[in-house]
Amino acid sequence: MKCRPEISHRIAQSVPELMPIVKLIFLHHERWDGQGYPLGLTGEQIPLECRIIAIVDAYDG
């Protein structure tokens, strides 16, 4: 499961239209408290777009 962001990142790199958001695809499982993956980023180290995705995902679940 924790390999999914890396795999998605590699797939997205092969699609030119996705290049502007490749980094966001890689980091979209990071968590504010640092318990996310793949890099274990915390707080404002996580791109704003990824933090927004986390909020939307919490309400969509």
PDB file of N, CA and C in Angstrom:
ATOM      1  N   MET A   1       0.821  -1.193   0.000  1.00  0.00           N
ATOM      2  CA  MET A   1       0.000   0.000   0.000  1.00  0.00           C
ATOM      3  C   MET A   1       0.869   1.262   0.000  1.00  0.00           C
ATOM      4  N   LYS A   2       1.936   1.249   0.788  1.00  0.00           N
ATOM      5  CA  LYS A   2       2.761   2.446   0.873  1.00  0.00           C
ATOM      6  C   LYS A   2       3.592   2.678  -0.384  1.00  0.00           C
ATOM      7  N   CYS A   3       3.611   1.718  -1.292  1.00  0.00           N
ATOM      8  CA  CYS A   3       4.314   1.891  -2.569  1.00  0.00           C
ATOM      9  C   CYS A   3       3.448   2.625  -3.587  1.00  0.00           C
ATOM     10  N   ARG A   4       2.170   2.737  -3.304  1.00  0.00           N
ATOM     11  CA  ARG A   4       1.236   3.305  -4.276  1.00  0.00           C
ATOM     12  C   ARG A   4       1.603   4.714  -4.726  1.00  0.00           C
ATOM     13  N   PRO A   5       1.990   5.641  -3.815  1.00  0.00           N
ATOM     14  CA  PRO A   5       2.353   6.974  -4.313  1.00  0.00           C
ATOM     15  C   PRO A   5       3.539   6.946  -5.276  1.00  0.00           C
ATOM     16  N   GLU A   6       4.516   6.085  -5.009  1.00  0.00           N
ATOM     17  CA  GLU A   6       5.670   5.998  -5.884  1.00  0.00           C
ATOM     18  C   GLU A   6       5.291   5.430  -7.246  1.00  0.00           C
ATOM     19  N   ILE A   7       4.454   4.413  -7.250  1.00  0.00           N
ATOM     20  CA  ILE A   7       4.004   3.811  -8.508  1.00  0.00           C
ATOM     21  C   ILE A   7       3.173   4.825  -9.304  1.00  0.00           C
ATOM     22  N   SER A   8       2.256   5.504  -8.620  1.00  0.00           N
ATOM     23  CA  SER A   8       1.427   6.525  -9.280  1.00  0.00           C
ATOM     24  C   SER A   8       2.289   7.641  -9.841  1.00  0.00           C
ATOM     25  N   HIS A   9       3.298   8.024  -9.097  1.00  0.00           N
ATOM     26  CA  HIS A   9       4.230   9.071  -9.515  1.00  0.00           C
ATOM     27  C   HIS A   9       4.931   8.677 -10.812  1.00  0.00           C
ATOM     28  N   ARG A  10       5.409   7.447 -10.886  1.00  0.00           N
ATOM     29  CA  ARG A  10       6.097   6.971 -12.094  1.00  0.00           C
ATOM     30  C   ARG A  10       5.154   6.934 -13.295  1.00  0.00           C
ATOM     31  N   ILE A  11       3.929   6.482 -13.070  1.00  0.00           N
ATOM     32  CA  ILE A  11       2.954   6.442 -14.162  1.00  0.00           C
ATOM     33  C   ILE A  11       2.643   7.857 -14.638  1.00  0.00           C
ATOM     34  N   ALA A  12       2.419   8.778 -13.690  1.00  0.00           N
ATOM     35  CA  ALA A  12       2.085  10.160 -14.046  1.00  0.00           C
ATOM     36  C   ALA A  12       3.215  10.838 -14.821  1.00  0.00           C
ATOM     37  N   GLN A  13       4.460  10.486 -14.514  1.00  0.00           N
ATOM     38  CA  GLN A  13       5.585  11.080 -15.231  1.00  0.00           C
ATOM     39  C   GLN A  13       5.577  10.721 -16.713  1.00  0.00           C
ATOM     40  N   SER A  14       4.908   9.653 -17.062  1.00  0.00           N
ATOM     41  CA  SER A  14       4.865   9.251 -18.469  1.00  0.00           C
ATOM     42  C   SER A  14       3.752   9.954 -19.249  1.00  0.00           C
ATOM     43  N   VAL A  15       2.955  10.757 -18.563  1.00  0.00           N
ATOM     44  CA  VAL A  15       1.855  11.480 -19.205  1.00  0.00           C
ATOM     45  C   VAL A  15       2.184  12.982 -19.171  1.00  0.00           C
ATOM     46  N   PRO A  16       2.547  13.564 -20.303  1.00  0.00           N
ATOM     47  CA  PRO A  16       2.966  14.963 -20.317  1.00  0.00           C
ATOM     48  C   PRO A  16       1.961  15.927 -19.678  1.00  0.00           C
ATOM     49  N   GLU A  17       0.683  15.664 -19.839  1.00  0.00           N
ATOM     50  CA  GLU A  17      -0.341  16.548 -19.293  1.00  0.00           C
ATOM     51  C   GLU A  17      -0.350  16.567 -17.760  1.00  0.00           C
ATOM     52  N   LEU A  18       0.187  15.529 -17.140  1.00  0.00           N
ATOM     53  CA  LEU A  18       0.200  15.437 -15.672  1.00  0.00           C
ATOM     54  C   LEU A  18       1.465  16.004 -15.034  1.00  0.00           C
ATOM     55  N   MET A  19       2.440  16.391 -15.835  1.00  0.00           N
ATOM     56  CA  MET A  19       3.706  16.876 -15.293  1.00  0.00           C
ATOM     57  C   MET A  19       3.548  17.998 -14.264  1.00  0.00           C
ATOM     58  N   PRO A  20       2.606  18.940 -14.429  1.00  0.00           N
ATOM     59  CA  PRO A  20       2.475  19.995 -13.420  1.00  0.00           C
ATOM     60  C   PRO A  20       2.058  19.485 -12.034  1.00  0.00           C
ATOM     61  N   ILE A  21       1.452  18.306 -11.953  1.00  0.00           N
ATOM     62  CA  ILE A  21       0.988  17.815 -10.649  1.00  0.00           C
ATOM     63  C   ILE A  21       1.682  16.524 -10.201  1.00  0.00           C
ATOM     64  N   VAL A  22       2.760  16.141 -10.860  1.00  0.00           N
ATOM     65  CA  VAL A  22       3.463  14.899 -10.513  1.00  0.00           C
ATOM     66  C   VAL A  22       3.896  14.906  -9.043  1.00  0.00           C
ATOM     67  N   LYS A  23       4.432  16.011  -8.566  1.00  0.00           N
ATOM     68  CA  LYS A  23       4.885  16.099  -7.163  1.00  0.00           C
ATOM     69  C   LYS A  23       3.705  15.914  -6.201  1.00  0.00           C
ATOM     70  N   LEU A  24       2.564  16.483  -6.546  1.00  0.00           N
ATOM     71  CA  LEU A  24       1.379  16.363  -5.690  1.00  0.00           C
ATOM     72  C   LEU A  24       0.887  14.921  -5.639  1.00  0.00           C
ATOM     73  N   ILE A  25       0.969  14.233  -6.754  1.00  0.00           N
ATOM     74  CA  ILE A  25       0.581  12.823  -6.791  1.00  0.00           C
ATOM     75  C   ILE A  25       1.478  12.023  -5.857  1.00  0.00           C
ATOM     76  N   PHE A  26       2.759  12.333  -5.858  1.00  0.00           N
ATOM     77  CA  PHE A  26       3.714  11.624  -5.010  1.00  0.00           C
ATOM     78  C   PHE A  26       3.456  11.877  -3.522  1.00  0.00           C
ATOM     79  N   LEU A  27       3.037  13.076  -3.170  1.00  0.00           N
ATOM     80  CA  LEU A  27       2.920  13.477  -1.761  1.00  0.00           C
ATOM     81  C   LEU A  27       1.500  13.436  -1.197  1.00  0.00           C
ATOM     82  N   HIS A  28       0.534  12.945  -1.941  1.00  0.00           N
ATOM     83  CA  HIS A  28      -0.850  13.086  -1.499  1.00  0.00           C
ATOM     84  C   HIS A  28      -1.243  12.206  -0.310  1.00  0.00           C
ATOM     85  N   HIS A  29      -0.347  11.340   0.177  1.00  0.00           N
ATOM     86  CA  HIS A  29      -0.650  10.539   1.366  1.00  0.00           C
ATOM     87  C   HIS A  29       0.079  11.030   2.613  1.00  0.00           C
ATOM     88  N   GLU A  30       0.705  12.195   2.528  1.00  0.00           N
ATOM     89  CA  GLU A  30       1.358  12.771   3.704  1.00  0.00           C
ATOM     90  C   GLU A  30       0.287  13.240   4.693  1.00  0.00           C
ATOM     91  N   ARG A  31       0.627  13.212   5.981  1.00  0.00           N
ATOM     92  CA  ARG A  31      -0.320  13.629   7.031  1.00  0.00           C
ATOM     93  C   ARG A  31       0.274  14.738   7.868  1.00  0.00           C
ATOM     94  N   TRP A  32      -0.572  15.632   8.325  1.00  0.00           N
ATOM     95  CA  TRP A  32      -0.171  16.794   9.116  1.00  0.00           C
ATOM     96  C   TRP A  32       0.723  16.401  10.293  1.00  0.00           C
ATOM     97  N   ASP A  33       0.436  15.268  10.924  1.00  0.00           N
ATOM     98  CA  ASP A  33       1.183  14.846  12.114  1.00  0.00           C
ATOM     99  C   ASP A  33       2.478  14.098  11.791  1.00  0.00           C
ATOM    100  N   GLY A  34       2.807  13.945  10.514  1.00  0.00           N
ATOM    101  CA  GLY A  34       4.042  13.280  10.115  1.00  0.00           C
ATOM    102  C   GLY A  34       3.931  11.773   9.984  1.00  0.00           C
ATOM    103  N   GLN A  35       2.744  11.220  10.197  1.00  0.00           N
ATOM    104  CA  GLN A  35       2.550   9.776  10.124  1.00  0.00           C
ATOM    105  C   GLN A  35       2.210   9.294   8.716  1.00  0.00           C
ATOM    106  N   GLY A  36       2.238  10.193   7.756  1.00  0.00           N
ATOM    107  CA  GLY A  36       1.927   9.811   6.379  1.00  0.00           C
ATOM    108  C   GLY A  36       3.139   9.233   5.665  1.00  0.00           C
ATOM    109  N   TYR A  37       2.992   9.052   4.390  1.00  0.00           N
ATOM    110  CA  TYR A  37       4.074   8.489   3.575  1.00  0.00           C
ATOM    111  C   TYR A  37       3.989   9.094   2.186  1.00  0.00           C
ATOM    112  N   PRO A  38       5.022   9.117   1.431  1.00  0.00           N
ATOM    113  CA  PRO A  38       6.251   8.348   1.523  1.00  0.00           C
ATOM    114  C   PRO A  38       7.381   9.036   2.285  1.00  0.00           C
ATOM    115  N   LEU A  39       7.315  10.341   2.519  1.00  0.00           N
ATOM    116  CA  LEU A  39       8.444  11.053   3.120  1.00  0.00           C
ATOM    117  C   LEU A  39       8.268  11.388   4.594  1.00  0.00           C
ATOM    118  N   GLY A  40       7.071  11.222   5.137  1.00  0.00           N
ATOM    119  CA  GLY A  40       6.824  11.567   6.540  1.00  0.00           C
ATOM    120  C   GLY A  40       6.880  13.062   6.807  1.00  0.00           C
ATOM    121  N   LEU A  41       6.450  13.859   5.840  1.00  0.00           N
ATOM    122  CA  LEU A  41       6.438  15.313   6.013  1.00  0.00           C
ATOM    123  C   LEU A  41       5.426  15.705   7.084  1.00  0.00           C
ATOM    124  N   THR A  42       5.644  16.861   7.706  1.00  0.00           N
ATOM    125  CA  THR A  42       4.718  17.354   8.729  1.00  0.00           C
ATOM    126  C   THR A  42       4.250  18.764   8.398  1.00  0.00           C
ATOM    127  N   GLY A  43       3.077  19.089   8.912  1.00  0.00           N
ATOM    128  CA  GLY A  43       2.553  20.445   8.857  1.00  0.00           C
ATOM    129  C   GLY A  43       2.695  21.122   7.517  1.00  0.00           C
ATOM    130  N   GLU A  44       3.290  22.316   7.562  1.00  0.00           N
ATOM    131  CA  GLU A  44       3.386  23.142   6.363  1.00  0.00           C
ATOM    132  C   GLU A  44       4.454  22.673   5.383  1.00  0.00           C
ATOM    133  N   GLN A  45       5.176  21.600   5.718  1.00  0.00           N
ATOM    134  CA  GLN A  45       6.091  20.991   4.737  1.00  0.00           C
ATOM    135  C   GLN A  45       5.283  20.337   3.611  1.00  0.00           C
ATOM    136  N   ILE A  46       4.052  19.962   3.925  1.00  0.00           N
ATOM    137  CA  ILE A  46       3.175  19.310   2.955  1.00  0.00           C
ATOM    138  C   ILE A  46       2.575  20.395   2.058  1.00  0.00           C
ATOM    139  N   PRO A  47       2.642  20.217   0.746  1.00  0.00           N
ATOM    140  CA  PRO A  47       2.061  21.219  -0.153  1.00  0.00           C
ATOM    141  C   PRO A  47       0.578  21.463   0.160  1.00  0.00           C
ATOM    142  N   LEU A  48       0.150  22.704   0.038  1.00  0.00           N
ATOM    143  CA  LEU A  48      -1.226  23.093   0.335  1.00  0.00           C
ATOM    144  C   LEU A  48      -2.230  22.221  -0.420  1.00  0.00           C
ATOM    145  N   GLU A  49      -1.960  21.947  -1.678  1.00  0.00           N
ATOM    146  CA  GLU A  49      -2.890  21.139  -2.473  1.00  0.00           C
ATOM    147  C   GLU A  49      -3.089  19.751  -1.861  1.00  0.00           C
ATOM    148  N   CYS A  50      -2.024  19.182  -1.336  1.00  0.00           N
ATOM    149  CA  CYS A  50      -2.124  17.860  -0.714  1.00  0.00           C
ATOM    150  C   CYS A  50      -2.898  17.930   0.595  1.00  0.00           C
ATOM    151  N   ARG A  51      -2.756  19.024   1.323  1.00  0.00           N
ATOM    152  CA  ARG A  51      -3.527  19.195   2.561  1.00  0.00           C
ATOM    153  C   ARG A  51      -5.013  19.335   2.245  1.00  0.00           C
ATOM    154  N   ILE A  52      -5.326  20.023   1.162  1.00  0.00           N
ATOM    155  CA  ILE A  52      -6.727  20.170   0.747  1.00  0.00           C
ATOM    156  C   ILE A  52      -7.297  18.808   0.351  1.00  0.00           C
ATOM    157  N   ILE A  53      -6.529  18.027  -0.391  1.00  0.00           N
ATOM    158  CA  ILE A  53      -6.970  16.692  -0.784  1.00  0.00           C
ATOM    159  C   ILE A  53      -7.271  15.852   0.457  1.00  0.00           C
ATOM    160  N   ALA A  54      -6.441  15.954   1.491  1.00  0.00           N
ATOM    161  CA  ALA A  54      -6.656  15.195   2.730  1.00  0.00           C
ATOM    162  C   ALA A  54      -7.976  15.575   3.393  1.00  0.00           C
ATOM    163  N   ILE A  55      -8.304  16.851   3.389  1.00  0.00           N
ATOM    164  CA  ILE A  55      -9.573  17.299   3.984  1.00  0.00           C
ATOM    165  C   ILE A  55     -10.750  16.769   3.177  1.00  0.00           C
ATOM    166  N   VAL A  56     -10.677  16.892   1.867  1.00  0.00           N
ATOM    167  CA  VAL A  56     -11.751  16.395   1.000  1.00  0.00           C
ATOM    168  C   VAL A  56     -11.910  14.882   1.169  1.00  0.00           C
ATOM    169  N   ASP A  57     -10.802  14.174   1.241  1.00  0.00           N
ATOM    170  CA  ASP A  57     -10.842  12.733   1.401  1.00  0.00           C
ATOM    171  C   ASP A  57     -11.492  12.346   2.736  1.00  0.00           C
ATOM    172  N   ALA A  58     -11.228  13.098   3.775  1.00  0.00           N
ATOM    173  CA  ALA A  58     -11.818  12.803   5.095  1.00  0.00           C
ATOM    174  C   ALA A  58     -13.342  12.949   5.048  1.00  0.00           C
ATOM    175  N   TYR A  59     -13.838  13.924   4.324  1.00  0.00           N
ATOM    176  CA  TYR A  59     -15.289  14.114   4.234  1.00  0.00           C
ATOM    177  C   TYR A  59     -15.935  13.184   3.228  1.00  0.00           C
ATOM    178  N   ASP A  60     -15.185  12.741   2.243  1.00  0.00           N
ATOM    179  CA  ASP A  60     -15.731  11.855   1.215  1.00  0.00           C
ATOM    180  C   ASP A  60     -15.858  10.432   1.702  1.00  0.00           C
ATOM    181  N   GLY A  61     -14.972  10.039   2.630  1.00  0.00           N
ATOM    182  CA  GLY A  61     -14.908   8.646   3.117  1.00  0.00           C
ATOM    183  C   GLY A  61     -16.166   8.171   3.665  1.00  0.00           C
TER     184      GLY A  61
END
